[in-house]
Protein backbone atom coordinates (compact mmCIF):
# COMPACT_ATOMS: atom_id res chain seq x y z
CA MET A 1 4.14 -8.14 -14.33
CA VAL A 2 5.64 -11.62 -14.00
CA ALA A 3 9.28 -12.36 -14.87
CA LEU A 4 10.16 -15.80 -16.29
CA ARG A 5 13.45 -17.42 -15.25
CA TYR A 6 13.79 -18.94 -18.74
CA SER A 7 12.55 -16.31 -21.14
CA TYR A 8 12.36 -18.63 -24.16
CA TYR A 9 9.42 -20.34 -22.40
CA LYS A 10 7.35 -17.29 -23.30
CA GLY A 11 7.29 -18.24 -26.97
CA ASP A 12 6.25 -21.80 -26.09
CA ILE A 13 3.50 -20.75 -23.67
CA PHE A 14 1.78 -18.47 -26.19
CA ASN A 15 2.89 -20.23 -29.38
CA GLN A 16 4.14 -16.85 -30.54
CA LYS A 17 7.82 -16.33 -31.30
CA LYS A 18 7.52 -12.68 -32.24
CA PRO A 19 8.33 -10.04 -29.61
CA LEU A 20 5.70 -7.60 -28.40
CA ASP A 21 4.99 -4.61 -30.59
CA ARG A 22 3.54 -1.25 -29.67
CA SER A 23 -0.03 -2.33 -30.50
CA GLU A 24 0.13 -5.08 -27.84
CA ALA A 25 2.10 -3.20 -25.21
CA PHE A 26 0.48 -2.55 -21.82
CA ASN A 27 -2.90 -3.98 -22.92
CA ARG A 28 -3.06 -6.14 -19.75
CA SER A 29 -3.01 -9.41 -21.70
CA ASP A 30 -0.97 -12.26 -20.22
CA ARG A 31 1.66 -11.93 -22.96
CA ALA A 32 2.00 -8.19 -22.34
CA ARG A 33 2.62 -8.83 -18.62
CA ILE A 34 5.45 -11.38 -18.86
CA GLY A 35 9.06 -10.22 -18.73
CA ALA A 36 12.36 -11.93 -18.00
CA HIS A 37 14.57 -12.78 -15.01
CA ASN A 38 18.19 -13.78 -15.60
CA ASP A 39 19.28 -15.54 -12.41
CA CYS A 40 22.95 -15.96 -13.42
CA PHE A 41 23.80 -12.90 -15.51
CA LEU A 42 27.23 -13.15 -17.19
CA ALA A 43 28.00 -16.47 -15.46
CA GLY A 44 28.85 -18.27 -18.71
CA ILE A 45 28.06 -18.36 -22.38
CA ASP A 46 24.46 -19.44 -21.67
CA ASP A 47 24.16 -17.86 -18.17
CA TRP A 48 23.51 -21.29 -16.63
CA GLY A 49 20.55 -22.17 -18.82
CA THR A 50 19.07 -18.68 -19.11
CA TYR A 51 19.44 -19.29 -22.84
CA SER A 52 18.35 -22.64 -24.22
CA HIS A 53 21.63 -23.59 -25.89
CA THR A 54 25.37 -22.98 -25.89
CA ASP A 55 25.31 -22.34 -29.64
CA LEU A 56 26.10 -18.64 -30.06
CA ASN A 57 23.72 -18.25 -33.02
CA ILE A 58 20.79 -19.53 -30.94
CA ILE A 59 21.81 -17.38 -27.98
CA ASN A 60 22.01 -14.28 -30.15
CA LYS A 61 18.52 -14.94 -31.53
CA GLN A 62 17.13 -15.23 -27.99
CA LYS A 63 18.91 -12.04 -26.96
CA ALA A 64 17.52 -10.27 -30.03
CA PHE A 65 14.02 -11.33 -28.93
CA LEU A 66 14.62 -9.84 -25.48
CA HIS A 67 16.04 -6.67 -27.00
CA LEU A 68 12.67 -6.05 -28.68
CA ASP A 69 10.27 -7.66 -26.20
CA ASN A 70 11.80 -5.77 -23.28
CA ARG A 71 10.78 -2.44 -24.80
CA TYR A 72 7.46 -3.05 -23.04
CA VAL A 73 8.11 -5.51 -20.18
CA VAL A 74 10.43 -5.83 -17.21
CA GLN A 75 13.90 -7.40 -17.35
CA GLY A 76 15.71 -8.12 -14.11
CA GLY A 77 17.99 -10.62 -12.40
CA GLU A 78 21.26 -10.99 -10.54
CA VAL A 79 24.89 -11.96 -11.05
CA CYS A 80 26.02 -15.41 -9.99
CA ASN A 81 29.60 -16.64 -10.33
CA PRO A 82 32.58 -14.79 -11.83
CA SER A 83 33.45 -15.54 -15.45
CA GLN A 84 35.29 -14.17 -18.46
CA TYR A 85 32.09 -12.32 -19.44
CA ASP A 86 31.54 -10.18 -16.33
CA ASN A 87 33.93 -7.27 -17.06
CA CYS A 88 32.55 -3.72 -17.14
CA PRO A 89 32.46 -3.20 -20.94
CA ASN A 90 30.58 -6.44 -21.59
CA ALA A 91 28.29 -6.03 -18.57
CA GLN A 92 27.17 -2.56 -19.69
CA LYS A 93 26.74 -3.71 -23.30
CA GLU A 94 24.50 -6.61 -22.21
CA LEU A 95 22.50 -4.55 -19.71
CA ALA A 96 21.82 -1.92 -22.35
CA TYR A 97 20.98 -4.37 -25.13
CA MET A 98 18.49 -6.36 -23.01
CA ARG A 99 17.09 -3.15 -21.46
CA TRP A 100 17.54 -4.10 -17.81
CA SER A 101 15.38 -2.45 -15.15
CA THR A 102 16.42 -4.23 -11.94
CA LEU A 103 19.55 -5.92 -10.61
CA ASN A 104 19.84 -7.58 -7.19
CA SER A 105 22.40 -5.65 -5.13
CA PHE A 106 22.83 -8.52 -2.61
CA PRO A 107 23.41 -11.68 -4.68
CA SER A 108 24.32 -14.75 -2.67
CA ASP A 109 27.33 -15.71 -4.82
CA GLY A 110 28.14 -12.67 -6.96
CA LYS A 111 29.26 -9.99 -4.52
CA SER A 112 32.80 -10.06 -5.89
CA ILE A 113 31.47 -9.16 -9.35
CA LEU A 114 29.69 -6.07 -8.04
CA ALA A 115 32.88 -5.11 -6.16
CA ASP A 116 34.85 -5.49 -9.39
CA TRP A 117 32.43 -3.13 -11.15
CA VAL A 118 33.20 -0.53 -8.48
CA THR A 119 36.96 -1.05 -8.95
CA GLN A 120 36.69 -0.97 -12.74
CA GLY A 121 34.66 2.25 -12.57
CA CYS A 122 31.31 1.32 -14.12
CA MET A 123 29.10 0.82 -11.07
CA ASP A 124 27.90 4.44 -10.92
CA ASN A 125 26.89 4.33 -14.58
CA ILE A 126 25.03 1.05 -14.03
CA LYS A 127 23.16 2.53 -11.06
CA HIS A 128 22.20 5.59 -13.08
CA ARG A 129 21.04 3.71 -16.17
CA LEU A 130 19.22 0.67 -14.83
CA GLY A 131 15.55 1.26 -15.60
CA TYR A 132 14.43 4.62 -16.98
CA ARG A 133 16.21 7.96 -16.60
CA PHE A 134 14.15 10.82 -17.99
CA ARG A 135 15.85 14.15 -18.65
CA LEU A 136 14.01 17.24 -19.84
CA LEU A 137 15.70 18.77 -22.88
CA ASN A 138 13.54 21.84 -23.52
CA ALA A 139 10.07 23.25 -23.02
CA GLU A 140 7.89 25.87 -24.73
CA MET A 141 4.62 27.25 -23.44
CA SER A 142 2.10 30.04 -23.87
CA ASN A 143 3.20 32.77 -21.47
CA LYS A 144 -0.32 34.09 -20.90
CA ILE A 145 -3.87 32.80 -21.24
CA VAL A 146 -7.40 33.66 -20.15
CA SER A 147 -8.88 31.26 -17.59
CA GLY A 148 -10.96 28.59 -19.31
CA GLU A 149 -8.87 28.76 -22.46
CA PRO A 150 -6.53 25.94 -23.57
CA LEU A 151 -2.93 25.92 -22.42
CA ALA A 152 -0.42 24.88 -25.11
CA LEU A 153 2.75 23.17 -23.87
CA LYS A 154 5.50 21.47 -25.85
CA PHE A 155 8.49 19.74 -24.31
CA SER A 156 11.10 17.12 -25.18
CA ILE A 157 12.27 14.28 -22.94
CA ILE A 158 15.15 11.89 -23.51
CA ASN A 159 15.29 8.53 -21.76
CA GLU A 160 18.95 8.05 -20.88
CA GLY A 161 18.24 4.84 -19.00
CA TRP A 162 18.37 1.33 -20.39
CA ALA A 163 14.68 0.52 -19.94
CA ILE A 164 11.15 1.85 -19.59
CA ALA A 165 8.78 2.82 -16.83
CA TYR A 166 7.05 -0.54 -17.14
CA ASN A 167 4.32 0.20 -14.57
CA PRO A 168 1.47 2.63 -15.36
CA ARG A 169 2.21 6.34 -14.92
CA LYS A 170 0.29 9.57 -15.21
CA LEU A 171 1.56 12.83 -16.61
CA GLU A 172 0.07 15.88 -14.92
CA ILE A 173 0.63 19.59 -15.48
CA VAL A 174 0.54 21.41 -12.16
CA LEU A 175 -0.08 25.17 -12.00
CA ARG A 176 0.80 26.86 -8.70
CA HIS A 177 -0.56 30.32 -7.99
CA LYS A 178 2.40 32.36 -6.78
CA SER A 179 0.42 34.41 -4.29
CA SER A 180 -1.94 31.82 -2.79
CA GLU A 181 0.44 28.86 -3.42
CA ARG A 182 -2.57 26.76 -4.35
CA ASN A 183 -1.96 23.98 -6.88
CA TYR A 184 -4.23 23.28 -9.84
CA THR A 185 -3.70 19.90 -11.53
CA LEU A 186 -4.38 19.29 -15.23
CA LEU A 187 -4.36 15.61 -16.24
CA THR A 188 -2.99 14.81 -19.72
CA LYS A 189 -3.51 11.73 -21.90
CA GLU A 190 0.23 11.21 -22.40
CA ASN A 191 1.60 7.77 -21.40
CA PRO A 192 5.22 7.89 -20.12
CA GLN A 193 5.48 4.10 -20.55
CA TYR A 194 6.20 4.78 -24.23
CA TRP A 195 9.23 6.97 -23.54
CA LEU A 196 11.66 4.36 -24.82
CA PRO A 197 15.34 4.06 -23.84
CA GLY A 198 17.82 5.95 -25.96
CA GLN A 199 15.09 7.97 -27.61
CA LYS A 200 14.01 11.59 -27.57
CA THR A 201 10.26 12.05 -27.22
CA THR A 202 8.54 15.34 -28.02
CA ILE A 203 5.18 15.89 -26.36
CA ASN A 204 2.67 18.44 -27.64
CA ILE A 205 -0.14 19.12 -25.18
CA THR A 206 -3.13 21.39 -25.52
CA ILE A 207 -5.18 21.14 -22.38
CA ASN A 208 -8.21 23.07 -21.14
CA THR A 209 -7.88 25.15 -18.00
CA PRO A 210 -10.73 25.65 -15.50
CA SER A 211 -12.92 28.67 -16.15
CA THR A 212 -12.65 29.33 -12.41
CA LEU A 213 -8.85 29.53 -12.49
CA PRO A 214 -7.98 32.70 -10.54
CA SER A 215 -6.02 35.43 -12.26
CA GLY A 216 -2.36 35.79 -11.36
CA ILE A 217 1.09 34.43 -12.08
CA TYR A 218 1.62 30.67 -11.90
CA GLU A 219 4.66 28.43 -11.66
CA VAL A 220 4.43 25.39 -13.94
CA PHE A 221 5.43 21.82 -13.03
CA LEU A 222 5.41 18.33 -14.50
CA ASN A 223 4.21 15.59 -12.18
CA LEU A 224 4.56 11.88 -12.90
CA PRO A 225 2.83 10.24 -9.93
CA ASP A 226 1.96 6.65 -9.22
CA PRO A 227 -1.65 6.10 -10.37
CA SER A 228 -2.64 4.41 -7.10
CA LYS A 229 -4.83 6.68 -4.95
CA LYS A 230 -2.83 5.63 -1.89
CA LEU A 231 0.49 6.58 -3.49
CA SER A 232 -0.29 9.38 -5.92
CA HIS A 233 0.34 12.13 -3.35
CA GLN A 234 3.48 10.59 -1.88
CA PRO A 235 6.49 12.29 -3.51
CA GLU A 236 8.78 9.30 -3.03
CA TYR A 237 6.61 7.41 -5.53
CA SER A 238 6.73 10.14 -8.19
CA ILE A 239 9.29 10.12 -10.99
CA ARG A 240 12.14 12.55 -10.55
CA LEU A 241 13.63 13.95 -13.76
CA ALA A 242 17.41 13.80 -14.11
CA ASN A 243 17.76 17.60 -14.40
CA GLU A 244 19.40 19.68 -11.68
CA ASP A 245 17.45 22.22 -9.62
CA THR A 246 14.00 21.16 -10.87
CA TRP A 247 12.88 18.61 -8.24
CA GLU A 248 10.62 19.54 -5.33
CA GLU A 249 11.28 16.95 -2.67
CA ASN A 250 8.20 17.77 -0.58
CA THR A 251 5.74 17.46 -3.51
CA GLY A 252 7.41 15.20 -6.09
CA PHE A 253 6.90 17.89 -8.75
CA ASN A 254 9.45 18.76 -11.46
CA SER A 255 9.65 22.49 -12.15
CA LEU A 256 9.76 23.75 -15.72
CA ILE A 257 11.19 27.00 -14.33
CA MET A 258 8.54 28.90 -16.32
CA ASN A 259 5.79 31.30 -15.38
CA LEU A 260 2.28 31.58 -16.78
CA LEU A 261 0.14 34.73 -16.57
CA VAL A 262 -3.58 33.97 -16.22
CA LYS A 263 -6.29 36.58 -16.60
CA SER A 264 -9.87 35.98 -15.53
CA LYS A 265 -12.68 36.29 -18.07
């Protein structure tokens, strides 16, 4: 994706003032790949020209556009100079409303603002909620199947972050045979890019298992790897869920803490 310094240019470039909707999201068009970069966040009423006017009504309209458009594109930037707007309550409100994913931690002129956020007590929350933060709420699954038969799995995820996973992601179900410790990966059609901030998403999956799947007891994992072949098996590029005691650091898998009994045909 590309991030524009002045986000209102996007409407001029494409002669389209409406924000992206779900039907356009992630379709690889130019409009679907352009997000926003605020280079002087909270520096003044218009963030040093980030918004096209100092009239609050115009600013609020441009922020409302970003609130909707940024459901499907990246929003990033950095702080600049201190101002009356950079206190913790307002900073968190603005970051959440515009669905921020990235914030420069080494701004040239705004280090005192970041230090103030530490003193005021909101920096940890900002670190946790920039971008996406997926937490598993519950999961249900067949507890036994015959190899070659479909596996039914239902689980709910809440995105407690302020933004989306704006780059492509896979969702895989990984079955690990408890005796042999061999992993069997089942690729789903689910797209985690649509797990929107502040929303609970329930996923129902019915997926075929290999007819050659050996009998035995299996541990069950969710894996959200990078789709690149070079990165897909590197755990540091997989998404870690926000739950405790579910992450496997050496694989990048997230355990459902459930077992599946498989019988051969």
